[in-house]
């Protein structure tokens, strides 16, 4: 029997997230494990009078690629996929992994090289030259990473995605107004005292357009403004590597000192990817209080109500960001216990709840 929650999520992706219109070409990208949601999305795209373009791959291919690709192949952009992206109007990316650690043994320099080569594709999407949304489909790998059964994870996912996104948008507008009216942001918490500027930068509401689930308001801080230090409570995961106990110290916007309890070498190597990797590309405020636990999946974790996240690397042009990098690494700070946010010296959030 078909799970009606899959049909509901497909409707949200097609109609709310990217607003499929008649005559458009829509890429549906996933792996073999995403088949149930892919089929529903495919069906709905057709019913809207649009043209689905399927991009389905096997989970095992990335591991094979990094094991056997030559340096020349790593340095070569995926021209065929880029041309496909450029010829389409929408992209629905359904993540359905079989192993979240499949690339943990891959040299980080290979991953960074590949990211640089495909940089134009990343930039094209991030500059919103195509409508796009990314979501998860429940798999055993995602459930295991979240320390749940598959059934529990499916409940968790659909409870976070199948909600009233217009109501969420109205709530985010109130939070956005607080930060839009100010310029200087100060974050305080255990092992943390960080200051930066949002002067002239535009806040962006995230209410189900690009991420599903969603629930954040983000900014791109002034690039040279970060001063102070931050300690992260949750592990930060990038390219299948888990780095825990991260401490970062900033001066003139740049990470000048760093440490980690686990996988510090990987942290250091990633910070050295390029010049922009040491600057903050994003400041995000979690607004989805329905997501109440950390599950080692940034699609959910950065939305947790009462947390903030700072991403090192690429900033968002739509919020005025100017930092360029081939990484974008979100790291989450939990402010629900002894955390405070100030805007222009005024306390606006305490222990994860807004006070004004």
C-alpha atoms as a PDB file:
ATOM      1  CA  UNK A   1       0.000   0.000   0.000  1.00  0.00           C
ATOM      2  CA  UNK A   2       1.332   3.426  -0.977  1.00  0.00           C
ATOM      3  CA  UNK A   3       2.327   5.674   1.928  1.00  0.00           C
ATOM      4  CA  UNK A   4       0.162   8.837   1.570  1.00  0.00           C
ATOM      5  CA  UNK A   5       2.932  10.842   3.249  1.00  0.00           C
ATOM      6  CA  UNK A   6       5.149  10.260   0.215  1.00  0.00           C
ATOM      7  CA  UNK A   7       2.432  11.647  -2.045  1.00  0.00           C
ATOM      8  CA  UNK A   8       2.050  14.687   0.226  1.00  0.00           C
ATOM      9  CA  UNK A   9       5.808  15.361   0.219  1.00  0.00           C
ATOM     10  CA  UNK A  10       5.892  15.067  -3.578  1.00  0.00           C
ATOM     11  CA  UNK A  11       3.097  17.654  -3.803  1.00  0.00           C
ATOM     12  CA  UNK A  12       5.024  20.039  -1.552  1.00  0.00           C
ATOM     13  CA  UNK A  13       8.217  19.639  -3.611  1.00  0.00           C
ATOM     14  CA  UNK A  14       6.479  20.100  -6.959  1.00  0.00           C
ATOM     15  CA  UNK A  15       3.944  22.807  -6.090  1.00  0.00           C
ATOM     16  CA  UNK A  16       5.370  24.714  -3.099  1.00  0.00           C
ATOM     17  CA  UNK A  17       9.131  24.325  -3.341  1.00  0.00           C
ATOM     18  CA  UNK A  18       9.753  24.951  -7.029  1.00  0.00           C
ATOM     19  CA  UNK A  19       6.279  25.681  -8.380  1.00  0.00           C
ATOM     20  CA  UNK A  20       6.409  23.519 -11.497  1.00  0.00           C
ATOM     21  CA  UNK A  21       4.747  25.164 -14.491  1.00  0.00           C
ATOM     22  CA  UNK A  22       3.472  23.798 -17.757  1.00  0.00           C
ATOM     23  CA  UNK A  23       6.179  23.376 -20.378  1.00  0.00           C
ATOM     24  CA  UNK A  24       9.123  23.451 -17.939  1.00  0.00           C
ATOM     25  CA  UNK A  25      11.869  20.814 -17.895  1.00  0.00           C
ATOM     26  CA  UNK A  26      12.470  19.517 -14.366  1.00  0.00           C
ATOM     27  CA  UNK A  27      15.474  17.418 -13.326  1.00  0.00           C
ATOM     28  CA  UNK A  28      14.644  14.698 -10.799  1.00  0.00           C
ATOM     29  CA  UNK A  29      17.960  13.622  -9.254  1.00  0.00           C
ATOM     30  CA  UNK A  30      18.328  10.677  -6.857  1.00  0.00           C
ATOM     31  CA  UNK A  31      19.754   7.213  -6.270  1.00  0.00           C
ATOM     32  CA  UNK A  32      18.098   3.841  -6.677  1.00  0.00           C
ATOM     33  CA  UNK A  33      16.839   3.923  -3.072  1.00  0.00           C
ATOM     34  CA  UNK A  34      14.776   7.051  -3.692  1.00  0.00           C
ATOM     35  CA  UNK A  35      12.483   5.262  -6.170  1.00  0.00           C
ATOM     36  CA  UNK A  36       9.143   5.648  -4.282  1.00  0.00           C
ATOM     37  CA  UNK A  37       9.462   9.436  -3.993  1.00  0.00           C
ATOM     38  CA  UNK A  38      11.018   9.769  -7.453  1.00  0.00           C
ATOM     39  CA  UNK A  39       7.994   8.008  -8.962  1.00  0.00           C
ATOM     40  CA  UNK A  40       5.530  10.304  -7.192  1.00  0.00           C
ATOM     41  CA  UNK A  41       7.444  13.433  -8.199  1.00  0.00           C
ATOM     42  CA  UNK A  42       7.777  12.150 -11.783  1.00  0.00           C
ATOM     43  CA  UNK A  43       4.024  11.517 -11.953  1.00  0.00           C
ATOM     44  CA  UNK A  44       3.159  14.976 -10.599  1.00  0.00           C
ATOM     45  CA  UNK A  45       5.583  16.799 -12.893  1.00  0.00           C
ATOM     46  CA  UNK A  46       3.858  15.127 -15.844  1.00  0.00           C
ATOM     47  CA  UNK A  47       0.417  16.042 -14.482  1.00  0.00           C
ATOM     48  CA  UNK A  48       1.496  19.700 -14.317  1.00  0.00           C
ATOM     49  CA  UNK A  49       2.236  19.600 -18.051  1.00  0.00           C
ATOM     50  CA  UNK A  50       6.002  19.732 -17.500  1.00  0.00           C
ATOM     51  CA  UNK A  51       8.802  17.426 -18.670  1.00  0.00           C
ATOM     52  CA  UNK A  52      10.699  15.335 -16.078  1.00  0.00           C
ATOM     53  CA  UNK A  53      14.384  14.700 -16.771  1.00  0.00           C
ATOM     54  CA  UNK A  54      15.570  11.825 -14.592  1.00  0.00           C
ATOM     55  CA  UNK A  55      19.126  11.733 -13.258  1.00  0.00           C
ATOM     56  CA  UNK A  56      19.305   8.483 -11.304  1.00  0.00           C
ATOM     57  CA  UNK A  57      22.612   7.069 -10.093  1.00  0.00           C
ATOM     58  CA  UNK A  58      23.789   4.164  -7.956  1.00  0.00           C
ATOM     59  CA  UNK A  59      25.069   4.932  -4.480  1.00  0.00           C
ATOM     60  CA  UNK A  60      28.262   2.989  -5.162  1.00  0.00           C
ATOM     61  CA  UNK A  61      29.447   5.161  -8.066  1.00  0.00           C
ATOM     62  CA  UNK A  62      30.938   8.002  -6.008  1.00  0.00           C
ATOM     63  CA  UNK A  63      33.232   5.606  -4.153  1.00  0.00           C
ATOM     64  CA  UNK A  64      34.285   3.983  -7.433  1.00  0.00           C
ATOM     65  CA  UNK A  65      34.914   7.397  -8.971  1.00  0.00           C
ATOM     66  CA  UNK A  66      37.267   8.633  -6.268  1.00  0.00           C
ATOM     67  CA  UNK A  67      39.113   5.321  -6.217  1.00  0.00           C
ATOM     68  CA  UNK A  68      39.816   5.202  -9.933  1.00  0.00           C
ATOM     69  CA  UNK A  69      39.598   8.757 -11.339  1.00  0.00           C
ATOM     70  CA  UNK A  70      42.850  10.219 -12.636  1.00  0.00           C
ATOM     71  CA  UNK A  71      43.995  13.721 -11.745  1.00  0.00           C
ATOM     72  CA  UNK A  72      42.854  14.879 -15.182  1.00  0.00           C
ATOM     73  CA  UNK A  73      39.397  13.429 -14.571  1.00  0.00           C
ATOM     74  CA  UNK A  74      39.194  15.010 -11.104  1.00  0.00           C
ATOM     75  CA  UNK A  75      40.071  18.377 -12.626  1.00  0.00           C
ATOM     76  CA  UNK A  76      37.447  18.114 -15.370  1.00  0.00           C
ATOM     77  CA  UNK A  77      34.012  19.662 -14.852  1.00  0.00           C
ATOM     78  CA  UNK A  78      30.971  17.494 -15.536  1.00  0.00           C
ATOM     79  CA  UNK A  79      30.061  19.290 -18.757  1.00  0.00           C
ATOM     80  CA  UNK A  80      27.135  17.026 -19.637  1.00  0.00           C
ATOM     81  CA  UNK A  81      25.396  17.591 -16.311  1.00  0.00           C
ATOM     82  CA  UNK A  82      26.125  21.331 -16.491  1.00  0.00           C
ATOM     83  CA  UNK A  83      24.542  21.518 -19.931  1.00  0.00           C
ATOM     84  CA  UNK A  84      21.533  19.622 -18.608  1.00  0.00           C
ATOM     85  CA  UNK A  85      21.197  22.040 -15.683  1.00  0.00           C
ATOM     86  CA  UNK A  86      21.437  25.020 -18.039  1.00  0.00           C
ATOM     87  CA  UNK A  87      18.708  23.645 -20.304  1.00  0.00           C
ATOM     88  CA  UNK A  88      16.205  22.994 -17.485  1.00  0.00           C
ATOM     89  CA  UNK A  89      14.087  25.233 -15.269  1.00  0.00           C
ATOM     90  CA  UNK A  90      13.936  23.168 -12.068  1.00  0.00           C
ATOM     91  CA  UNK A  91      15.898  20.640 -10.017  1.00  0.00           C
ATOM     92  CA  UNK A  92      14.455  18.303  -7.372  1.00  0.00           C
ATOM     93  CA  UNK A  93      17.343  16.540  -5.618  1.00  0.00           C
ATOM     94  CA  UNK A  94      16.262  13.561  -3.499  1.00  0.00           C
ATOM     95  CA  UNK A  95      19.040  12.229  -1.273  1.00  0.00           C
ATOM     96  CA  UNK A  96      18.658   8.495  -0.543  1.00  0.00           C
ATOM     97  CA  UNK A  97      22.082   7.184   0.520  1.00  0.00           C
ATOM     98  CA  UNK A  98      22.959   3.595   1.342  1.00  0.00           C
ATOM     99  CA  UNK A  99      26.109   4.497   3.313  1.00  0.00           C
ATOM    100  CA  UNK A 100      26.816   7.920   4.811  1.00  0.00           C
ATOM    101  CA  UNK A 101      30.465   6.965   5.440  1.00  0.00           C
ATOM    102  CA  UNK A 102      31.248   5.730   1.939  1.00  0.00           C
ATOM    103  CA  UNK A 103      33.717   8.571   1.270  1.00  0.00           C
ATOM    104  CA  UNK A 104      35.318   8.670   4.715  1.00  0.00           C
ATOM    105  CA  UNK A 105      38.423   6.918   3.387  1.00  0.00           C
ATOM    106  CA  UNK A 106      38.848   9.240   0.409  1.00  0.00           C
ATOM    107  CA  UNK A 107      41.699  11.763   0.425  1.00  0.00           C
ATOM    108  CA  UNK A 108      40.119  15.163   1.296  1.00  0.00           C
ATOM    109  CA  UNK A 109      42.271  16.791  -1.390  1.00  0.00           C
ATOM    110  CA  UNK A 110      40.526  14.680  -4.035  1.00  0.00           C
ATOM    111  CA  UNK A 111      37.134  15.795  -2.778  1.00  0.00           C
ATOM    112  CA  UNK A 112      38.274  19.430  -2.738  1.00  0.00           C
ATOM    113  CA  UNK A 113      39.707  19.104  -6.252  1.00  0.00           C
ATOM    114  CA  UNK A 114      36.430  17.718  -7.543  1.00  0.00           C
ATOM    115  CA  UNK A 115      34.483  20.484  -5.811  1.00  0.00           C
ATOM    116  CA  UNK A 116      36.676  23.117  -7.476  1.00  0.00           C
ATOM    117  CA  UNK A 117      36.227  21.500 -10.891  1.00  0.00           C
ATOM    118  CA  UNK A 118      32.444  21.517 -10.541  1.00  0.00           C
ATOM    119  CA  UNK A 119      32.425  24.985  -9.009  1.00  0.00           C
ATOM    120  CA  UNK A 120      30.604  26.583 -11.979  1.00  0.00           C
ATOM    121  CA  UNK A 121      27.743  24.076 -11.543  1.00  0.00           C
ATOM    122  CA  UNK A 122      27.517  24.853  -7.826  1.00  0.00           C
ATOM    123  CA  UNK A 123      27.598  28.601  -8.510  1.00  0.00           C
ATOM    124  CA  UNK A 124      24.921  28.345 -11.203  1.00  0.00           C
ATOM    125  CA  UNK A 125      22.526  26.600  -8.808  1.00  0.00           C
ATOM    126  CA  UNK A 126      23.349  28.755  -5.768  1.00  0.00           C
ATOM    127  CA  UNK A 127      22.803  31.920  -7.796  1.00  0.00           C
ATOM    128  CA  UNK A 128      19.247  30.669  -8.398  1.00  0.00           C
ATOM    129  CA  UNK A 129      19.593  30.484 -12.153  1.00  0.00           C
ATOM    130  CA  UNK A 130      17.485  27.356 -11.815  1.00  0.00           C
ATOM    131  CA  UNK A 131      14.713  26.639  -9.303  1.00  0.00           C
ATOM    132  CA  UNK A 132      15.938  23.942  -6.913  1.00  0.00           C
ATOM    133  CA  UNK A 133      15.100  21.962  -3.802  1.00  0.00           C
ATOM    134  CA  UNK A 134      16.854  19.168  -1.903  1.00  0.00           C
ATOM    135  CA  UNK A 135      15.224  16.635   0.405  1.00  0.00           C
ATOM    136  CA  UNK A 136      15.806  13.209   1.954  1.00  0.00           C
ATOM    137  CA  UNK A 137      14.011   9.938   1.440  1.00  0.00           C
ATOM    138  CA  UNK A 138      14.103   7.503   4.374  1.00  0.00           C
ATOM    139  CA  UNK A 139      16.845   4.870   4.044  1.00  0.00           C
ATOM    140  CA  UNK A 140      18.515   2.531   6.495  1.00  0.00           C
ATOM    141  CA  UNK A 141      21.710   4.598   6.315  1.00  0.00           C
ATOM    142  CA  UNK A 142      19.922   7.794   7.325  1.00  0.00           C
ATOM    143  CA  UNK A 143      18.015   5.982  10.076  1.00  0.00           C
ATOM    144  CA  UNK A 144      21.170   4.404  11.477  1.00  0.00           C
ATOM    145  CA  UNK A 145      22.996   7.736  11.442  1.00  0.00           C
ATOM    146  CA  UNK A 146      20.082   9.257  13.368  1.00  0.00           C
ATOM    147  CA  UNK A 147      20.078   6.269  15.759  1.00  0.00           C
ATOM    148  CA  UNK A 148      16.500   5.404  14.859  1.00  0.00           C
ATOM    149  CA  UNK A 149      14.672   2.516  13.296  1.00  0.00           C
ATOM    150  CA  UNK A 150      13.644   3.058   9.680  1.00  0.00           C
ATOM    151  CA  UNK A 151      10.027   3.506  10.760  1.00  0.00           C
ATOM    152  CA  UNK A 152      10.993   6.051  13.435  1.00  0.00           C
ATOM    153  CA  UNK A 153      13.114   7.966  10.961  1.00  0.00           C
ATOM    154  CA  UNK A 154      10.319   8.048   8.396  1.00  0.00           C
ATOM    155  CA  UNK A 155       7.962   9.468  11.037  1.00  0.00           C
ATOM    156  CA  UNK A 156      10.597  12.041  12.014  1.00  0.00           C
ATOM    157  CA  UNK A 157      11.171  13.086   8.400  1.00  0.00           C
ATOM    158  CA  UNK A 158       7.544  13.400   7.345  1.00  0.00           C
ATOM    159  CA  UNK A 159       6.619  15.236  10.558  1.00  0.00           C
ATOM    160  CA  UNK A 160       9.288  17.798   9.674  1.00  0.00           C
ATOM    161  CA  UNK A 161       8.389  18.161   5.983  1.00  0.00           C
ATOM    162  CA  UNK A 162       4.627  17.802   5.698  1.00  0.00           C
ATOM    163  CA  UNK A 163       3.626  20.979   7.555  1.00  0.00           C
ATOM    164  CA  UNK A 164       2.048  24.366   6.800  1.00  0.00           C
ATOM    165  CA  UNK A 165       4.929  26.235   5.191  1.00  0.00           C
ATOM    166  CA  UNK A 166       2.971  29.467   4.799  1.00  0.00           C
ATOM    167  CA  UNK A 167       2.542  29.633   8.587  1.00  0.00           C
ATOM    168  CA  UNK A 168       6.264  28.997   9.004  1.00  0.00           C
ATOM    169  CA  UNK A 169       6.961  31.893   6.622  1.00  0.00           C
ATOM    170  CA  UNK A 170       4.938  34.288   8.759  1.00  0.00           C
ATOM    171  CA  UNK A 171       6.850  33.268  11.895  1.00  0.00           C
ATOM    172  CA  UNK A 172      10.191  33.737  10.136  1.00  0.00           C
ATOM    173  CA  UNK A 173       9.207  37.237   9.035  1.00  0.00           C
ATOM    174  CA  UNK A 174       9.035  38.311  12.690  1.00  0.00           C
ATOM    175  CA  UNK A 175      12.533  36.964  13.355  1.00  0.00           C
ATOM    176  CA  UNK A 176      13.919  38.499  10.183  1.00  0.00           C
ATOM    177  CA  UNK A 177      12.595  41.913  11.228  1.00  0.00           C
ATOM    178  CA  UNK A 178      14.635  41.772  14.448  1.00  0.00           C
ATOM    179  CA  UNK A 179      17.939  41.272  12.631  1.00  0.00           C
ATOM    180  CA  UNK A 180      17.117  43.480   9.647  1.00  0.00           C
ATOM    181  CA  UNK A 181      16.702  46.450  11.976  1.00  0.00           C
ATOM    182  CA  UNK A 182      20.158  45.958  13.517  1.00  0.00           C
ATOM    183  CA  UNK A 183      23.710  45.477  12.367  1.00  0.00           C
ATOM    184  CA  UNK A 184      25.974  44.149  15.145  1.00  0.00           C
ATOM    185  CA  UNK A 185      25.339  40.559  16.286  1.00  0.00           C
ATOM    186  CA  UNK A 186      26.877  39.046  19.393  1.00  0.00           C
ATOM    187  CA  UNK A 187      26.681  35.348  20.293  1.00  0.00           C
ATOM    188  CA  UNK A 188      27.393  34.209  23.842  1.00  0.00           C
ATOM    189  CA  UNK A 189      27.396  30.709  25.279  1.00  0.00           C
ATOM    190  CA  UNK A 190      29.642  28.025  26.754  1.00  0.00           C
ATOM    191  CA  UNK A 191      33.079  28.451  25.184  1.00  0.00           C
ATOM    192  CA  UNK A 192      31.688  31.114  22.882  1.00  0.00           C
ATOM    193  CA  UNK A 193      31.867  34.889  22.530  1.00  0.00           C
ATOM    194  CA  UNK A 194      31.648  35.924  18.901  1.00  0.00           C
ATOM    195  CA  UNK A 195      30.784  39.236  17.245  1.00  0.00           C
ATOM    196  CA  UNK A 196      30.159  40.098  13.600  1.00  0.00           C
ATOM    197  CA  UNK A 197      28.339  42.619  11.415  1.00  0.00           C
ATOM    198  CA  UNK A 198      25.267  42.270   9.213  1.00  0.00           C
ATOM    199  CA  UNK A 199      25.483  45.879   8.045  1.00  0.00           C
ATOM    200  CA  UNK A 200      23.939  46.187   4.598  1.00  0.00           C
ATOM    201  CA  UNK A 201      23.177  42.488   4.372  1.00  0.00           C
ATOM    202  CA  UNK A 202      19.754  41.063   3.554  1.00  0.00           C
ATOM    203  CA  UNK A 203      18.062  38.370   5.621  1.00  0.00           C
ATOM    204  CA  UNK A 204      16.583  35.439   3.725  1.00  0.00           C
ATOM    205  CA  UNK A 205      13.636  33.397   4.977  1.00  0.00           C
ATOM    206  CA  UNK A 206      13.787  29.665   4.370  1.00  0.00           C
ATOM    207  CA  UNK A 207      10.294  28.232   4.355  1.00  0.00           C
ATOM    208  CA  UNK A 208      10.438  25.201   2.112  1.00  0.00           C
ATOM    209  CA  UNK A 209      11.692  26.610  -1.180  1.00  0.00           C
ATOM    210  CA  UNK A 210      15.230  25.157  -1.421  1.00  0.00           C
ATOM    211  CA  UNK A 211      15.450  22.769   1.538  1.00  0.00           C
ATOM    212  CA  UNK A 212      12.870  20.263   2.693  1.00  0.00           C
ATOM    213  CA  UNK A 213      12.537  20.191   5.638  1.00  0.00           C
ATOM    214  CA  UNK A 214      13.289  23.848   6.165  1.00  0.00           C
ATOM    215  CA  UNK A 215      13.127  26.387   8.952  1.00  0.00           C
ATOM    216  CA  UNK A 216      15.799  29.062   9.205  1.00  0.00           C
ATOM    217  CA  UNK A 217      16.555  32.695   8.540  1.00  0.00           C
ATOM    218  CA  UNK A 218      20.052  33.266   7.202  1.00  0.00           C
ATOM    219  CA  UNK A 219      22.459  36.098   6.476  1.00  0.00           C
ATOM    220  CA  UNK A 220      25.899  36.433   4.934  1.00  0.00           C
ATOM    221  CA  UNK A 221      27.940  38.409   7.500  1.00  0.00           C
ATOM    222  CA  UNK A 222      30.302  41.183   6.436  1.00  0.00           C
ATOM    223  CA  UNK A 223      33.369  39.204   5.427  1.00  0.00           C
ATOM    224  CA  UNK A 224      36.035  40.875   7.588  1.00  0.00           C
ATOM    225  CA  UNK A 225      33.860  41.528  10.649  1.00  0.00           C
ATOM    226  CA  UNK A 226      34.022  38.353  12.772  1.00  0.00           C
ATOM    227  CA  UNK A 227      35.945  38.732  16.026  1.00  0.00           C
ATOM    228  CA  UNK A 228      36.125  36.336  18.940  1.00  0.00           C
ATOM    229  CA  UNK A 229      35.734  32.605  19.346  1.00  0.00           C
ATOM    230  CA  UNK A 230      33.180  29.809  19.197  1.00  0.00           C
ATOM    231  CA  UNK A 231      33.037  26.230  20.469  1.00  0.00           C
ATOM    232  CA  UNK A 232      30.657  23.817  18.753  1.00  0.00           C
ATOM    233  CA  UNK A 233      28.557  21.415  20.801  1.00  0.00           C
ATOM    234  CA  UNK A 234      27.629  19.049  18.000  1.00  0.00           C
ATOM    235  CA  UNK A 235      29.967  17.217  15.597  1.00  0.00           C
ATOM    236  CA  UNK A 236      30.401  18.918  12.229  1.00  0.00           C
ATOM    237  CA  UNK A 237      30.165  16.549   9.278  1.00  0.00           C
ATOM    238  CA  UNK A 238      31.599  17.271   5.857  1.00  0.00           C
ATOM    239  CA  UNK A 239      32.239  14.869   2.959  1.00  0.00           C
ATOM    240  CA  UNK A 240      31.464  11.923   5.220  1.00  0.00           C
ATOM    241  CA  UNK A 241      34.007  12.962   7.885  1.00  0.00           C
ATOM    242  CA  UNK A 242      32.896  13.742  11.428  1.00  0.00           C
ATOM    243  CA  UNK A 243      34.831  16.398  13.339  1.00  0.00           C
ATOM    244  CA  UNK A 244      33.933  16.906  16.994  1.00  0.00           C
ATOM    245  CA  UNK A 245      34.908  19.401  19.672  1.00  0.00           C
ATOM    246  CA  UNK A 246      35.618  22.170  17.164  1.00  0.00           C
ATOM    247  CA  UNK A 247      37.009  25.471  18.442  1.00  0.00           C
ATOM    248  CA  UNK A 248      37.480  28.392  16.051  1.00  0.00           C
ATOM    249  CA  UNK A 249      39.001  31.783  16.768  1.00  0.00           C
ATOM    250  CA  UNK A 250      38.423  34.725  14.405  1.00  0.00           C
ATOM    251  CA  UNK A 251      40.289  37.948  13.748  1.00  0.00           C
ATOM    252  CA  UNK A 252      39.263  40.391  11.012  1.00  0.00           C
ATOM    253  CA  UNK A 253      36.763  37.821   9.809  1.00  0.00           C
ATOM    254  CA  UNK A 254      39.277  35.012   9.329  1.00  0.00           C
ATOM    255  CA  UNK A 255      39.878  31.794  11.275  1.00  0.00           C
ATOM    256  CA  UNK A 256      43.306  32.334  12.824  1.00  0.00           C
ATOM    257  CA  UNK A 257      43.250  29.491  15.336  1.00  0.00           C
ATOM    258  CA  UNK A 258      41.457  26.157  15.348  1.00  0.00           C
ATOM    259  CA  UNK A 259      41.343  22.884  17.222  1.00  0.00           C
ATOM    260  CA  UNK A 260      39.192  19.750  17.394  1.00  0.00           C
ATOM    261  CA  UNK A 261      38.950  16.717  19.627  1.00  0.00           C
ATOM    262  CA  UNK A 262      38.478  14.361  16.676  1.00  0.00           C
ATOM    263  CA  UNK A 263      39.761  14.582  13.079  1.00  0.00           C
ATOM    264  CA  UNK A 264      41.614  17.862  13.549  1.00  0.00           C
ATOM    265  CA  UNK A 265      43.817  17.107  10.537  1.00  0.00           C
ATOM    266  CA  UNK A 266      40.740  16.968   8.319  1.00  0.00           C
ATOM    267  CA  UNK A 267      39.501  20.278   9.752  1.00  0.00           C
ATOM    268  CA  UNK A 268      42.863  21.878   9.007  1.00  0.00           C
ATOM    269  CA  UNK A 269      43.014  20.488   5.475  1.00  0.00           C
ATOM    270  CA  UNK A 270      39.499  21.703   4.702  1.00  0.00           C
ATOM    271  CA  UNK A 271      40.276  25.183   6.051  1.00  0.00           C
ATOM    272  CA  UNK A 272      43.205  25.231   3.619  1.00  0.00           C
ATOM    273  CA  UNK A 273      41.006  24.399   0.594  1.00  0.00           C
ATOM    274  CA  UNK A 274      41.186  28.014  -0.564  1.00  0.00           C
ATOM    275  CA  UNK A 275      41.393  31.542   0.859  1.00  0.00           C
ATOM    276  CA  UNK A 276      37.648  31.853   1.327  1.00  0.00           C
ATOM    277  CA  UNK A 277      37.378  28.655   3.393  1.00  0.00           C
ATOM    278  CA  UNK A 278      38.468  30.498   6.560  1.00  0.00           C
ATOM    279  CA  UNK A 279      35.728  33.142   6.405  1.00  0.00           C
ATOM    280  CA  UNK A 280      32.095  32.931   7.481  1.00  0.00           C
ATOM    281  CA  UNK A 281      29.798  32.561   4.499  1.00  0.00           C
ATOM    282  CA  UNK A 282      26.546  32.160   6.418  1.00  0.00           C
ATOM    283  CA  UNK A 283      24.931  32.933   9.754  1.00  0.00           C
ATOM    284  CA  UNK A 284      21.737  30.927  10.158  1.00  0.00           C
ATOM    285  CA  UNK A 285      19.064  31.012  12.867  1.00  0.00           C
ATOM    286  CA  UNK A 286      17.143  27.760  13.392  1.00  0.00           C
ATOM    287  CA  UNK A 287      13.365  28.336  13.524  1.00  0.00           C
ATOM    288  CA  UNK A 288      11.864  24.850  13.311  1.00  0.00           C
ATOM    289  CA  UNK A 289      11.092  23.844  16.891  1.00  0.00           C
ATOM    290  CA  UNK A 290       9.488  20.652  15.589  1.00  0.00           C
ATOM    291  CA  UNK A 291      13.004  19.369  14.884  1.00  0.00           C
ATOM    292  CA  UNK A 292      14.149  18.902  18.452  1.00  0.00           C
ATOM    293  CA  UNK A 293      17.184  16.636  18.207  1.00  0.00           C
ATOM    294  CA  UNK A 294      20.528  16.392  16.451  1.00  0.00           C
ATOM    295  CA  UNK A 295      20.679  13.493  13.980  1.00  0.00           C
ATOM    296  CA  UNK A 296      23.974  14.120  12.130  1.00  0.00           C
ATOM    297  CA  UNK A 297      22.208  15.363   9.011  1.00  0.00           C
ATOM    298  CA  UNK A 298      22.663  19.047   8.253  1.00  0.00           C
ATOM    299  CA  UNK A 299      19.413  19.176   6.271  1.00  0.00           C
ATOM    300  CA  UNK A 300      17.611  18.763   9.601  1.00  0.00           C
ATOM    301  CA  UNK A 301      20.175  19.832  12.175  1.00  0.00           C
ATOM    302  CA  UNK A 302      20.700  23.408  10.988  1.00  0.00           C
ATOM    303  CA  UNK A 303      16.943  24.002  11.331  1.00  0.00           C
ATOM    304  CA  UNK A 304      16.691  23.014  15.034  1.00  0.00           C
ATOM    305  CA  UNK A 305      14.834  25.758  16.877  1.00  0.00           C
ATOM    306  CA  UNK A 306      17.123  27.356  19.461  1.00  0.00           C
ATOM    307  CA  UNK A 307      20.348  26.803  17.527  1.00  0.00           C
ATOM    308  CA  UNK A 308      22.430  28.915  15.186  1.00  0.00           C
ATOM    309  CA  UNK A 309      24.858  27.758  12.550  1.00  0.00           C
ATOM    310  CA  UNK A 310      27.835  29.414  10.957  1.00  0.00           C
ATOM    311  CA  UNK A 311      29.060  28.075   7.637  1.00  0.00           C
ATOM    312  CA  UNK A 312      32.670  28.440   6.633  1.00  0.00           C
ATOM    313  CA  UNK A 313      33.256  29.159   2.965  1.00  0.00           C
ATOM    314  CA  UNK A 314      30.927  30.137   0.152  1.00  0.00           C
ATOM    315  CA  UNK A 315      28.456  32.879   1.002  1.00  0.00           C
ATOM    316  CA  UNK A 316      25.061  33.561  -0.538  1.00  0.00           C
ATOM    317  CA  UNK A 317      24.863  36.333  -3.144  1.00  0.00           C
ATOM    318  CA  UNK A 318      21.134  36.737  -2.516  1.00  0.00           C
ATOM    319  CA  UNK A 319      21.902  37.999   0.999  1.00  0.00           C
ATOM    320  CA  UNK A 320      24.738  40.251  -0.165  1.00  0.00           C
ATOM    321  CA  UNK A 321      27.564  37.783   0.507  1.00  0.00           C
ATOM    322  CA  UNK A 322      30.835  38.269  -1.345  1.00  0.00           C
ATOM    323  CA  UNK A 323      32.962  35.410   0.007  1.00  0.00           C
ATOM    324  CA  UNK A 324      34.026  32.827  -2.578  1.00  0.00           C
ATOM    325  CA  UNK A 325      35.022  29.274  -1.739  1.00  0.00           C
ATOM    326  CA  UNK A 326      34.574  25.742  -2.973  1.00  0.00           C
ATOM    327  CA  UNK A 327      33.428  24.641   0.451  1.00  0.00           C
ATOM    328  CA  UNK A 328      30.339  25.499   2.465  1.00  0.00           C
ATOM    329  CA  UNK A 329      30.600  23.773   5.834  1.00  0.00           C
ATOM    330  CA  UNK A 330      27.764  24.348   8.300  1.00  0.00           C
ATOM    331  CA  UNK A 331      28.628  24.048  11.988  1.00  0.00           C
ATOM    332  CA  UNK A 332      25.868  24.154  14.611  1.00  0.00           C
ATOM    333  CA  UNK A 333      25.929  25.938  17.958  1.00  0.00           C
ATOM    334  CA  UNK A 334      23.276  24.907  20.504  1.00  0.00           C
ATOM    335  CA  UNK A 335      22.016  27.967  22.416  1.00  0.00           C
ATOM    336  CA  UNK A 336      19.196  26.212  24.276  1.00  0.00           C
ATOM    337  CA  UNK A 337      21.261  26.017  27.465  1.00  0.00           C
ATOM    338  CA  UNK A 338      22.971  29.211  28.650  1.00  0.00           C
ATOM    339  CA  UNK A 339      23.014  30.760  25.183  1.00  0.00           C
ATOM    340  CA  UNK A 340      22.286  34.375  24.263  1.00  0.00           C
ATOM    341  CA  UNK A 341      22.020  36.444  21.080  1.00  0.00           C
ATOM    342  CA  UNK A 342      22.318  40.237  21.120  1.00  0.00           C
ATOM    343  CA  UNK A 343      21.553  42.634  18.274  1.00  0.00           C
ATOM    344  CA  UNK A 344      23.129  46.067  18.667  1.00  0.00           C
ATOM    345  CA  UNK A 345      23.574  45.349  22.366  1.00  0.00           C
ATOM    346  CA  UNK A 346      19.963  44.264  22.980  1.00  0.00           C
ATOM    347  CA  UNK A 347      19.210  40.732  24.163  1.00  0.00           C
ATOM    348  CA  UNK A 348      16.892  39.133  21.582  1.00  0.00           C
ATOM    349  CA  UNK A 349      17.214  35.431  22.352  1.00  0.00           C
ATOM    350  CA  UNK A 350      17.942  33.576  25.586  1.00  0.00           C
ATOM    351  CA  UNK A 351      18.234  29.806  26.029  1.00  0.00           C
ATOM    352  CA  UNK A 352      17.019  29.263  22.491  1.00  0.00           C
ATOM    353  CA  UNK A 353      13.822  31.332  22.732  1.00  0.00           C
ATOM    354  CA  UNK A 354      13.243  34.824  21.382  1.00  0.00           C
ATOM    355  CA  UNK A 355      12.473  37.376  24.105  1.00  0.00           C
ATOM    356  CA  UNK A 356      11.325  40.321  21.977  1.00  0.00           C
END
